[in-house]
Amino acid sequence: MSETPFPEAFGPIRYRKWDGTQRLDALEADELLNAMADELLSGADVEDAMARLARFGMAGRMEGLQDLIERLKAARQKRAERHGLSKIFDQLREKLDEVKRLEREGLERRAQAEAPTPEMREAMRRMAQERIERLDALPPDVGRAIRDLKDYEFVEPKAAQAYGELLKMLQEQVLGSYFSNMRESLKDLTPEQIERTKRMIKDLNRALRERLEGGEPDFEAFQREYPEVAGSARDWDDLMRQIASSMAAMRSLWQSMPSDMRDQLEELLGAAFQDAGLQQAMSDLAETLSELMPMDGRGYEMSGDDPVSLAEALELMRQMDRLSDLEGQLRVASGPDDLKDIDPSEMERLAGKKARRTLEEIQRMWDLLEEAGLIRKDGPRYELTPRGIRKIGQRSLEEIFATLKRDAFGSHRMRHRGRGGDPTDELKTYEFGDPFLLDLPATVRGGATSPAGGDSRNLAGQQQVTLQEAERQLIVRALEESKGNRTLAARKVGVSRRTLHRKLHKYQLENL
């Protein structure tokens, strides 16, 4: 009987297609600590060093919050450049045109139909003509046209059915924009469902009013009664955020439109609510929510060519508002508590897989260091553990000894002779840093007094100069070659900087 080698050695293993976002070299705690080491050694606080690492990341290894913010901005810009709002009402306009076409065809059939008497036939013709003229007189504005047809008595049953479907679609889109959780339950609206929705809105408004006045309404009871709107919410605050977000999308859509389209949108919202009580309940709820929490919409410049329907435009506004909210949240984030409420799956849906990976790496950063025993929580703040301090000290010593080893004499083969070593008789052009192995006084004295080719010259080529003048000219030349750097000039001359300073004073060369 053969046994599987290494049972339970690696735990469950999952394979998936390579998509460019997987990492074969996951971040390690030591890397994170090394990235902060210089800052910590200079006296920085652990919290501040970690916040800066999270903000700017590590080049080539981990993106930071600033990179994530740029990804969010790019995702929002991509949507704005792709989609346009100019055809937002086209779907509703096509439905409306279908309603008018069906009604017109029905009227024309009746106008040409046989009648028992000429009088009845003439009456049918006049009635058809009047209704066709009324259809022709409908305003070009989709919202106003739909509203005007509410009082129209359809002759053709198919046209009446198509108009009812148009109203139902409009109601689903508008109510869904306010209650995104109810989109499924709002499909195929019946009069009973509309009545239940109106009752739900009134109960919600009553509970929020009670909370506004300092009361504590029963959230669980409301959740049991209306799971279609409150089922996914944790509490009243969570439910209010969801509804406010949906209402803010409608406001953002309104602010992103030109003025003529805003008027059409207002007409559409009015046409969607046939029930005056439902329209009033929605208005009351919006007023209550505006008192409890801000719902400011944002205007976006939509410059793309891809058309969107009203429902798609509202969903697009929700996404762009959420991208803006996340960007604002990341701009002020400095610790794990500021990031724990951001859902990585939502980040992936809005900004892509790389944005999700960046978020997860930053969220994991604190836990990774803590699990490795390099930092620990001391009350509300983090601090280095003794192990973390030893790690930083060890890294510093390694860098120091690596530098010493790099600068020391080595036995490795090189094409060029290195610095140092025993003096040889080989001739070599002087380079800065080479040992200055000269008997300087004897050299200067010899250059100043010894004849060369029957002519006594010093280093500057002048005849019959004194030793002091030769020394002065040597110092001037060293200063010129060092471009005024006295430390380098002292090295060239072979004296200490203090001695050079005395010589400069002696020869009145302080201004060089």
Protein backbone atom coordinates (compact mmCIF):
# COMPACT_ATOMS: atom_id res chain seq x y z
CA MET A 1 0.00 0.00 0.00
CA SER A 2 1.59 3.25 -1.13
CA GLU A 3 1.14 6.40 0.85
CA THR A 4 0.92 9.90 -0.56
CA PRO A 5 4.28 11.62 0.07
CA PHE A 6 4.26 14.59 2.40
CA PRO A 7 0.66 14.23 3.62
CA GLU A 8 -0.73 17.52 4.91
CA ALA A 9 2.68 19.06 4.21
CA PHE A 10 1.47 22.12 2.42
CA GLY A 11 -2.22 22.24 3.21
CA PRO A 12 -4.79 22.94 0.48
CA ILE A 13 -3.32 24.20 -2.77
CA ARG A 14 -5.30 26.23 -5.29
CA TYR A 15 -4.35 26.74 -8.92
CA ARG A 16 -5.66 29.49 -11.14
CA LYS A 17 -4.82 31.08 -14.46
CA TRP A 18 -2.02 33.64 -14.46
CA ASP A 19 -3.46 37.13 -14.91
CA GLY A 20 -0.45 39.29 -14.10
CA THR A 21 -1.59 40.24 -10.59
CA GLN A 22 -0.21 37.25 -8.65
CA ARG A 23 3.03 37.63 -6.72
CA LEU A 24 5.64 34.92 -6.56
CA ASP A 25 7.65 36.83 -3.97
CA ALA A 26 5.22 37.96 -1.29
CA LEU A 27 6.23 40.81 0.98
CA GLU A 28 8.02 39.85 4.17
CA ALA A 29 8.11 41.59 7.53
CA ASP A 30 11.89 42.11 7.35
CA GLU A 31 11.50 44.04 4.08
CA LEU A 32 8.97 46.37 5.66
CA LEU A 33 11.17 46.96 8.70
CA ASN A 34 14.25 47.59 6.53
CA ALA A 35 12.29 50.17 4.54
CA MET A 36 11.64 52.08 7.77
CA ALA A 37 15.04 51.49 9.38
CA ASP A 38 16.77 54.72 8.33
CA GLU A 39 13.81 56.80 9.45
CA LEU A 40 13.58 54.99 12.79
CA LEU A 41 17.33 55.37 13.39
CA SER A 42 17.00 59.10 12.84
CA GLY A 43 14.52 59.24 15.73
CA ALA A 44 11.16 59.01 13.93
CA ASP A 45 8.12 57.57 15.67
CA VAL A 46 7.07 54.03 14.66
CA GLU A 47 3.51 55.17 13.88
CA ASP A 48 4.77 58.00 11.68
CA ALA A 49 7.26 55.77 9.87
CA MET A 50 4.60 53.16 9.17
CA ALA A 51 2.14 55.81 8.01
CA ARG A 52 4.71 57.17 5.54
CA LEU A 53 5.52 53.66 4.31
CA ALA A 54 1.81 53.00 3.76
CA ARG A 55 1.45 56.35 2.03
CA PHE A 56 4.35 56.07 -0.44
CA GLY A 57 5.09 52.31 -0.51
CA MET A 58 8.38 50.76 -1.58
CA ALA A 59 9.70 51.33 -5.09
CA GLY A 60 9.43 48.15 -7.12
CA ARG A 61 7.94 46.12 -4.25
CA MET A 62 4.76 47.67 -2.89
CA GLU A 63 2.51 50.48 -4.06
CA GLY A 64 1.32 52.97 -1.47
CA LEU A 65 -1.88 54.86 -0.80
CA GLN A 66 -0.82 57.61 -3.20
CA ASP A 67 -0.57 55.05 -6.00
CA LEU A 68 -3.96 53.65 -5.02
CA ILE A 69 -5.49 57.13 -5.13
CA GLU A 70 -4.12 57.58 -8.66
CA ARG A 71 -5.72 54.29 -9.68
CA LEU A 72 -9.09 55.46 -8.33
CA LYS A 73 -8.78 58.76 -10.20
CA ALA A 74 -7.88 56.91 -13.39
CA ALA A 75 -10.87 54.57 -12.99
CA ARG A 76 -13.22 57.54 -12.56
CA GLN A 77 -11.68 59.37 -15.52
CA LYS A 78 -11.98 56.27 -17.69
CA ARG A 79 -15.71 56.09 -17.01
CA ALA A 80 -16.18 59.80 -17.71
CA GLU A 81 -14.31 59.56 -21.02
CA ARG A 82 -16.15 56.44 -22.12
CA HIS A 83 -19.81 57.22 -21.38
CA GLY A 84 -22.03 60.12 -22.37
CA LEU A 85 -25.40 61.35 -21.06
CA SER A 86 -26.74 62.85 -24.28
CA LYS A 87 -28.81 59.73 -25.07
CA ILE A 88 -29.88 58.95 -21.53
CA PHE A 89 -33.59 59.33 -22.36
CA ASP A 90 -33.43 57.50 -25.72
CA GLN A 91 -34.67 54.20 -24.30
CA LEU A 92 -37.70 55.90 -22.74
CA ARG A 93 -38.24 57.96 -25.91
CA GLU A 94 -38.27 54.78 -28.03
CA LYS A 95 -40.89 53.26 -25.71
CA LEU A 96 -42.94 56.44 -25.90
CA ASP A 97 -42.72 56.49 -29.70
CA GLU A 98 -43.94 52.90 -29.73
CA VAL A 99 -46.94 53.88 -27.60
CA LYS A 100 -47.81 56.73 -29.98
CA ARG A 101 -47.36 54.53 -33.06
CA LEU A 102 -49.69 51.82 -31.74
CA GLU A 103 -52.33 54.37 -30.75
CA ARG A 104 -52.07 56.17 -34.10
CA GLU A 105 -52.46 52.92 -36.07
CA GLY A 106 -55.49 51.97 -33.99
CA LEU A 107 -57.10 55.36 -34.55
CA GLU A 108 -56.47 55.20 -38.30
CA ARG A 109 -58.06 51.74 -38.51
CA ARG A 110 -61.13 52.95 -36.66
CA ALA A 111 -61.40 56.07 -38.84
CA GLN A 112 -61.53 53.87 -41.96
CA ALA A 113 -63.75 51.16 -40.53
CA GLU A 114 -67.30 50.66 -41.73
CA ALA A 115 -70.11 52.09 -39.56
CA PRO A 116 -73.87 51.38 -39.46
CA THR A 117 -74.66 54.96 -40.48
CA PRO A 118 -72.78 57.78 -42.20
CA GLU A 119 -73.20 59.89 -39.06
CA MET A 120 -71.42 57.30 -36.87
CA ARG A 121 -68.66 56.96 -39.41
CA GLU A 122 -68.16 60.74 -39.47
CA ALA A 123 -68.14 60.84 -35.67
CA MET A 124 -65.48 58.10 -35.59
CA ARG A 125 -63.41 59.99 -38.13
CA ARG A 126 -63.60 63.26 -36.13
CA MET A 127 -62.74 61.47 -32.88
CA ALA A 128 -59.72 59.78 -34.48
CA GLN A 129 -58.56 63.06 -36.02
CA GLU A 130 -58.79 64.89 -32.68
CA ARG A 131 -56.82 62.23 -30.86
CA ILE A 132 -54.16 62.08 -33.58
CA GLU A 133 -53.79 65.86 -33.30
CA ARG A 134 -53.42 65.50 -29.53
CA LEU A 135 -50.71 62.90 -30.03
CA ASP A 136 -48.95 65.23 -32.48
CA ALA A 137 -49.19 68.08 -29.97
CA LEU A 138 -47.33 66.18 -27.22
CA PRO A 139 -44.21 68.10 -26.09
CA PRO A 140 -40.82 66.82 -27.30
CA ASP A 141 -39.70 66.52 -23.68
CA VAL A 142 -40.03 62.81 -22.77
CA GLY A 143 -40.99 63.46 -19.15
CA ARG A 144 -43.68 66.01 -19.97
CA ALA A 145 -45.04 63.82 -22.77
CA ILE A 146 -45.35 60.82 -20.44
CA ARG A 147 -47.03 62.99 -17.81
CA ASP A 148 -49.50 64.46 -20.37
CA LEU A 149 -50.54 60.97 -21.46
CA LYS A 150 -51.68 60.12 -17.92
CA ASP A 151 -54.98 61.87 -18.64
CA TYR A 152 -55.27 60.43 -22.15
CA GLU A 153 -57.92 57.78 -22.73
CA PHE A 154 -56.36 55.22 -25.05
CA VAL A 155 -58.48 53.73 -27.81
CA GLU A 156 -56.04 51.02 -28.82
CA PRO A 157 -55.58 48.33 -26.07
CA LYS A 158 -52.03 47.51 -27.22
CA ALA A 159 -51.06 51.18 -26.86
CA ALA A 160 -52.57 51.31 -23.36
CA GLN A 161 -50.61 48.19 -22.41
CA ALA A 162 -47.36 49.62 -23.82
CA TYR A 163 -47.92 52.86 -21.88
CA GLY A 164 -48.47 50.89 -18.66
CA GLU A 165 -45.19 49.02 -19.25
CA LEU A 166 -43.42 52.32 -19.87
CA LEU A 167 -44.67 53.73 -16.57
CA LYS A 168 -43.71 50.55 -14.75
CA MET A 169 -40.17 50.65 -16.18
CA LEU A 170 -39.84 54.29 -15.18
CA GLN A 171 -41.09 53.59 -11.66
CA GLU A 172 -38.64 50.69 -11.26
CA GLN A 173 -35.71 52.86 -12.35
CA VAL A 174 -36.64 55.83 -10.14
CA LEU A 175 -37.52 53.79 -7.03
CA GLY A 176 -34.45 51.62 -7.64
CA SER A 177 -32.32 54.74 -7.67
CA TYR A 178 -33.52 55.52 -4.13
CA PHE A 179 -33.50 51.93 -2.81
CA SER A 180 -30.80 49.98 -4.63
CA ASN A 181 -31.48 46.90 -2.46
CA MET A 182 -35.06 46.73 -3.76
CA ARG A 183 -34.27 46.42 -7.45
CA GLU A 184 -35.30 42.77 -7.66
CA SER A 185 -38.50 43.27 -5.66
CA LEU A 186 -39.43 46.30 -7.79
CA LYS A 187 -39.57 44.26 -10.97
CA ASP A 188 -43.08 43.61 -12.31
CA LEU A 189 -44.62 46.15 -9.96
CA THR A 190 -48.24 45.54 -9.04
CA PRO A 191 -50.63 47.98 -7.33
CA GLU A 192 -50.18 45.94 -4.14
CA GLN A 193 -46.39 46.27 -4.33
CA ILE A 194 -46.66 50.00 -4.90
CA GLU A 195 -48.92 50.28 -1.85
CA ARG A 196 -46.45 48.25 0.23
CA THR A 197 -43.56 50.45 -0.97
CA LYS A 198 -45.48 53.57 0.03
CA ARG A 199 -46.15 52.10 3.49
CA MET A 200 -42.48 51.12 3.86
CA ILE A 201 -41.30 54.63 2.97
CA LYS A 202 -43.69 56.16 5.50
CA ASP A 203 -42.58 53.74 8.25
CA LEU A 204 -38.93 54.42 7.45
CA ASN A 205 -39.47 58.16 7.53
CA ARG A 206 -41.32 57.85 10.86
CA ALA A 207 -38.46 55.81 12.39
CA LEU A 208 -35.81 58.23 11.15
CA ARG A 209 -37.80 61.17 12.50
CA GLU A 210 -37.94 59.45 15.88
CA ARG A 211 -34.19 58.92 15.75
CA LEU A 212 -33.66 62.54 14.77
CA GLU A 213 -35.52 63.57 17.91
CA GLY A 214 -33.32 61.38 20.13
CA GLY A 215 -35.38 58.19 20.21
CA GLU A 216 -34.29 54.61 19.55
CA PRO A 217 -36.65 52.97 17.01
CA ASP A 218 -36.58 49.16 16.74
CA PHE A 219 -34.33 48.39 13.77
CA GLU A 220 -34.76 44.61 13.96
CA ALA A 221 -38.54 44.94 13.80
CA PHE A 222 -38.27 47.16 10.73
CA GLN A 223 -35.79 44.71 9.18
CA ARG A 224 -38.20 41.78 9.72
CA GLU A 225 -41.08 43.75 8.23
CA TYR A 226 -39.17 45.04 5.17
CA PRO A 227 -36.25 42.68 4.45
CA GLU A 228 -36.19 43.79 0.81
CA VAL A 229 -34.82 47.22 1.83
CA ALA A 230 -33.12 46.58 5.20
CA GLY A 231 -32.02 42.97 4.91
CA SER A 232 -28.33 43.71 4.22
CA ALA A 233 -28.00 46.65 6.65
CA ARG A 234 -26.39 46.22 10.06
CA ASP A 235 -28.18 49.07 11.82
CA TRP A 236 -29.96 52.37 11.21
CA ASP A 237 -26.70 54.15 10.36
CA ASP A 238 -25.79 51.55 7.75
CA LEU A 239 -29.28 51.71 6.21
CA MET A 240 -29.17 55.51 6.09
CA ARG A 241 -25.77 55.42 4.37
CA GLN A 242 -27.10 53.04 1.72
CA ILE A 243 -30.18 55.14 0.98
CA ALA A 244 -28.24 58.42 1.10
CA SER A 245 -25.71 56.98 -1.35
CA SER A 246 -28.49 56.07 -3.79
CA MET A 247 -30.10 59.50 -3.49
CA ALA A 248 -26.71 61.17 -3.94
CA ALA A 249 -26.36 59.28 -7.25
CA MET A 250 -29.55 60.92 -8.50
CA ARG A 251 -28.22 64.33 -7.44
CA SER A 252 -24.88 63.66 -9.13
CA LEU A 253 -26.70 62.72 -12.31
CA TRP A 254 -28.71 65.93 -12.15
CA GLN A 255 -25.57 68.05 -11.58
CA SER A 256 -23.75 66.30 -14.46
CA MET A 257 -26.47 67.23 -16.96
CA PRO A 258 -26.92 70.42 -18.96
CA SER A 259 -29.86 72.60 -17.91
CA ASP A 260 -32.27 71.37 -20.59
CA MET A 261 -31.72 67.73 -19.58
CA ARG A 262 -32.21 68.61 -15.91
CA ASP A 263 -35.69 69.87 -16.72
CA GLN A 264 -36.46 66.62 -18.53
CA LEU A 265 -35.21 64.58 -15.57
CA GLU A 266 -37.44 66.51 -13.16
CA GLU A 267 -40.42 65.89 -15.42
CA LEU A 268 -39.58 62.19 -15.55
CA LEU A 269 -39.38 61.95 -11.76
CA GLY A 270 -42.79 63.59 -11.54
CA ALA A 271 -44.23 61.27 -14.21
CA ALA A 272 -42.94 58.18 -12.40
CA PHE A 273 -45.18 58.71 -9.37
CA GLN A 274 -48.79 58.42 -10.39
CA ASP A 275 -49.69 58.09 -6.74
CA ALA A 276 -49.58 61.51 -5.07
CA GLY A 277 -49.16 59.82 -1.67
CA LEU A 278 -46.06 57.94 -2.85
CA GLN A 279 -44.56 61.10 -4.28
CA GLN A 280 -45.16 62.96 -1.01
CA ALA A 281 -43.67 60.08 1.02
CA MET A 282 -40.53 60.13 -1.12
CA SER A 283 -40.22 63.89 -0.69
CA ASP A 284 -40.60 63.62 3.11
CA LEU A 285 -37.98 60.86 3.30
CA ALA A 286 -35.48 62.90 1.27
CA GLU A 287 -36.00 65.87 3.59
CA THR A 288 -35.48 63.74 6.72
CA LEU A 289 -32.33 62.14 5.36
CA SER A 290 -30.89 65.52 4.41
CA GLU A 291 -31.27 66.58 8.06
CA LEU A 292 -29.60 63.42 9.37
CA MET A 293 -26.66 63.25 6.99
CA PRO A 294 -25.32 65.23 4.00
CA MET A 295 -26.22 63.98 0.55
CA ASP A 296 -24.32 66.38 -1.66
CA GLY A 297 -24.08 65.18 -5.22
CA ARG A 298 -21.06 65.71 -7.46
CA GLY A 299 -21.01 66.90 -11.02
CA TYR A 300 -18.95 64.96 -13.58
CA GLU A 301 -17.99 65.95 -17.10
CA MET A 302 -19.13 62.98 -19.17
CA SER A 303 -17.42 63.29 -22.55
CA GLY A 304 -17.69 59.74 -23.98
CA ASP A 305 -19.69 58.33 -26.84
CA ASP A 306 -21.11 55.15 -25.28
CA PRO A 307 -24.81 55.78 -24.60
CA VAL A 308 -26.42 54.79 -21.30
CA SER A 309 -30.01 54.45 -20.19
CA LEU A 310 -31.41 56.20 -17.13
CA ALA A 311 -30.89 53.10 -14.98
CA GLU A 312 -27.34 52.64 -16.30
CA ALA A 313 -26.59 56.33 -15.75
CA LEU A 314 -27.69 56.09 -12.12
CA GLU A 315 -25.51 53.03 -11.57
CA LEU A 316 -22.62 54.87 -13.25
CA MET A 317 -23.11 57.83 -10.89
CA ARG A 318 -23.13 55.47 -7.89
CA GLN A 319 -19.79 54.02 -9.00
CA MET A 320 -18.20 57.41 -9.62
CA ASP A 321 -19.49 58.76 -6.29
CA ARG A 322 -18.06 55.71 -4.54
CA LEU A 323 -14.70 56.18 -6.27
CA SER A 324 -14.67 59.79 -5.04
CA ASP A 325 -15.60 58.69 -1.51
CA LEU A 326 -12.81 56.10 -1.45
CA GLU A 327 -10.32 58.65 -2.73
CA GLY A 328 -11.25 61.03 0.08
CA GLN A 329 -11.02 58.23 2.65
CA LEU A 330 -7.55 57.20 1.46
CA ARG A 331 -6.24 60.78 1.48
CA VAL A 332 -6.68 61.04 5.26
CA ALA A 333 -5.88 57.40 6.13
CA SER A 334 -2.83 56.85 8.33
CA GLY A 335 -3.38 53.55 10.13
CA PRO A 336 -5.11 50.17 9.92
CA ASP A 337 -8.29 51.46 11.56
CA ASP A 338 -8.75 53.91 8.68
CA LEU A 339 -8.61 51.08 6.11
CA LYS A 340 -10.43 48.19 7.77
CA ASP A 341 -13.87 49.21 6.47
CA ILE A 342 -12.78 49.26 2.81
CA ASP A 343 -13.87 46.08 1.05
CA PRO A 344 -11.16 44.65 -1.26
CA SER A 345 -13.79 43.05 -3.50
CA GLU A 346 -15.45 46.45 -3.97
CA MET A 347 -12.06 47.96 -4.74
CA GLU A 348 -11.51 45.30 -7.43
CA ARG A 349 -14.97 45.90 -8.92
CA LEU A 350 -14.39 49.65 -9.14
CA ALA A 351 -10.66 49.96 -9.94
CA GLY A 352 -9.36 46.54 -10.97
CA LYS A 353 -7.33 43.64 -9.59
CA LYS A 354 -4.10 45.61 -9.11
CA ALA A 355 -5.92 48.14 -6.93
CA ARG A 356 -7.26 45.30 -4.81
CA ARG A 357 -3.80 43.78 -4.42
CA THR A 358 -2.36 47.14 -3.35
CA LEU A 359 -5.13 47.64 -0.78
CA GLU A 360 -4.68 44.15 0.65
CA GLU A 361 -0.90 44.59 0.94
CA ILE A 362 -1.29 47.87 2.79
CA GLN A 363 -4.03 46.46 5.05
CA ARG A 364 -1.83 43.44 5.78
CA MET A 365 1.29 45.52 6.52
CA TRP A 366 0.62 46.11 10.23
CA ASP A 367 -0.45 42.50 10.87
CA LEU A 368 2.63 41.19 9.07
CA LEU A 369 5.01 43.17 11.29
CA GLU A 370 3.06 42.30 14.42
CA GLU A 371 2.90 38.57 13.63
CA ALA A 372 6.67 38.57 13.04
CA GLY A 373 7.17 40.04 16.52
CA LEU A 374 8.78 43.24 15.22
CA ILE A 375 6.13 45.68 16.51
CA ARG A 376 3.44 45.52 19.18
CA LYS A 377 0.46 47.56 20.24
CA ASP A 378 1.07 49.74 23.29
CA GLY A 379 -2.34 51.17 24.07
CA PRO A 380 -3.58 53.02 21.00
CA ARG A 381 -0.14 53.17 19.33
CA TYR A 382 2.44 50.76 17.94
CA GLU A 383 6.02 50.48 19.18
CA LEU A 384 9.10 48.45 18.27
CA THR A 385 9.65 45.22 20.17
CA PRO A 386 13.14 44.27 21.43
CA ARG A 387 13.35 41.91 18.48
CA GLY A 388 12.55 44.74 16.09
CA ILE A 389 15.21 46.93 17.69
CA ARG A 390 17.79 44.13 17.36
CA LYS A 391 16.86 43.66 13.71
CA ILE A 392 17.47 47.33 12.97
CA GLY A 393 20.78 47.28 14.87
CA GLN A 394 21.88 44.17 13.01
CA ARG A 395 21.07 45.80 9.67
CA SER A 396 23.07 48.90 10.61
CA LEU A 397 26.12 46.81 11.59
CA GLU A 398 25.88 44.83 8.35
CA GLU A 399 25.92 48.04 6.34
CA ILE A 400 28.89 49.41 8.32
CA PHE A 401 30.97 46.23 7.92
CA ALA A 402 30.00 45.95 4.25
CA THR A 403 31.36 49.47 3.74
CA LEU A 404 34.57 48.65 5.63
CA LYS A 405 35.05 45.51 3.63
CA ARG A 406 34.43 47.32 0.37
CA ASP A 407 37.03 49.98 1.23
CA ALA A 408 39.67 47.57 2.57
CA PHE A 409 42.54 45.90 0.64
CA GLY A 410 41.32 42.89 -1.27
CA SER A 411 42.85 39.86 -2.95
CA HIS A 412 40.43 39.90 -5.89
CA ARG A 413 41.86 40.41 -9.38
CA MET A 414 41.21 43.69 -11.15
CA ARG A 415 42.40 45.16 -14.42
CA HIS A 416 43.52 48.39 -12.77
CA ARG A 417 45.77 48.91 -9.82
CA GLY A 418 43.81 50.02 -6.79
CA ARG A 419 44.63 52.59 -4.19
CA GLY A 420 47.00 51.76 -1.39
CA GLY A 421 49.68 49.08 -1.31
CA ASP A 422 53.41 49.40 -1.10
CA PRO A 423 55.13 52.16 -3.10
CA THR A 424 56.67 50.96 -6.36
CA ASP A 425 58.98 52.44 -8.93
CA GLU A 426 56.27 52.53 -11.59
CA LEU A 427 55.26 55.91 -12.99
CA LYS A 428 51.59 56.78 -12.74
CA THR A 429 49.62 59.96 -13.42
CA TYR A 430 48.55 61.49 -10.14
CA GLU A 431 44.85 61.16 -9.30
CA PHE A 432 43.09 62.77 -6.42
CA GLY A 433 43.21 60.41 -3.45
CA ASP A 434 46.52 58.77 -4.36
CA PRO A 435 49.17 58.80 -1.61
CA PHE A 436 51.32 61.94 -1.98
CA LEU A 437 54.70 60.22 -1.40
CA LEU A 438 56.99 63.23 -1.83
CA ASP A 439 59.57 64.89 0.38
CA LEU A 440 57.90 68.24 -0.15
CA PRO A 441 60.53 70.58 1.42
CA ALA A 442 63.36 68.88 -0.49
CA THR A 443 61.37 68.94 -3.72
CA VAL A 444 60.56 72.63 -3.41
CA ARG A 445 64.11 73.48 -2.42
CA GLY A 446 65.52 71.50 -5.32
CA GLY A 447 63.14 73.04 -7.81
CA ALA A 448 63.97 76.52 -6.60
CA THR A 449 67.75 76.28 -6.38
CA SER A 450 69.01 73.45 -8.58
CA PRO A 451 70.14 74.36 -12.10
CA ALA A 452 68.42 72.55 -14.93
CA GLY A 453 70.06 72.84 -18.35
CA GLY A 454 72.13 75.79 -17.12
CA ASP A 455 69.03 77.67 -15.96
CA SER A 456 67.66 77.84 -12.43
CA ARG A 457 63.82 77.64 -12.54
CA ASN A 458 61.11 76.96 -9.98
CA LEU A 459 57.81 75.13 -10.53
CA ALA A 460 56.24 78.18 -12.17
CA GLY A 461 59.14 78.60 -14.59
CA GLN A 462 60.43 81.82 -13.02
CA GLN A 463 64.15 82.42 -12.57
CA GLN A 464 66.06 82.94 -9.32
CA VAL A 465 63.16 82.82 -6.82
CA THR A 466 63.38 82.33 -3.11
CA LEU A 467 62.16 79.26 -1.22
CA GLN A 468 59.27 81.32 0.24
CA GLU A 469 58.16 82.44 -3.22
CA ALA A 470 58.26 78.86 -4.50
CA GLU A 471 56.17 77.73 -1.55
CA ARG A 472 53.70 80.55 -2.17
CA GLN A 473 53.34 79.64 -5.85
CA LEU A 474 52.88 75.98 -4.96
CA ILE A 475 50.01 76.89 -2.61
CA VAL A 476 48.40 79.13 -5.25
CA ARG A 477 48.55 76.33 -7.82
CA ALA A 478 47.05 73.83 -5.37
CA LEU A 479 44.19 76.23 -4.60
CA GLU A 480 43.53 76.81 -8.27
CA GLU A 481 43.46 73.09 -9.04
CA SER A 482 41.15 72.53 -6.05
CA LYS A 483 38.91 75.42 -7.14
CA GLY A 484 39.29 77.14 -3.81
CA ASN A 485 38.62 74.03 -1.68
CA ARG A 486 41.17 74.45 1.11
CA THR A 487 40.82 70.90 2.41
CA LEU A 488 41.74 69.46 -0.99
CA ALA A 489 44.50 72.02 -1.46
CA ALA A 490 46.03 71.03 1.89
CA ARG A 491 46.03 67.40 0.78
CA LYS A 492 47.73 68.29 -2.50
CA VAL A 493 50.41 70.30 -0.75
CA GLY A 494 50.85 67.59 1.90
CA VAL A 495 50.13 69.68 4.99
CA SER A 496 47.27 69.88 7.45
CA ARG A 497 44.43 72.32 6.88
CA ARG A 498 45.52 74.29 9.93
CA THR A 499 49.06 74.63 8.55
CA LEU A 500 47.66 75.70 5.19
CA HIS A 501 45.58 78.37 6.94
CA ARG A 502 48.76 79.76 8.58
CA LYS A 503 50.57 79.77 5.25
CA LEU A 504 47.66 81.64 3.59
CA HIS A 505 47.85 84.27 6.30
CA LYS A 506 51.60 84.46 6.01
CA TYR A 507 51.54 84.99 2.23
CA GLN A 508 48.36 87.13 2.35
CA LEU A 509 46.37 84.65 0.27
CA GLU A 510 43.20 84.53 2.44
CA ASN A 511 41.04 85.88 -0.40
CA LEU A 512 41.88 83.06 -2.83
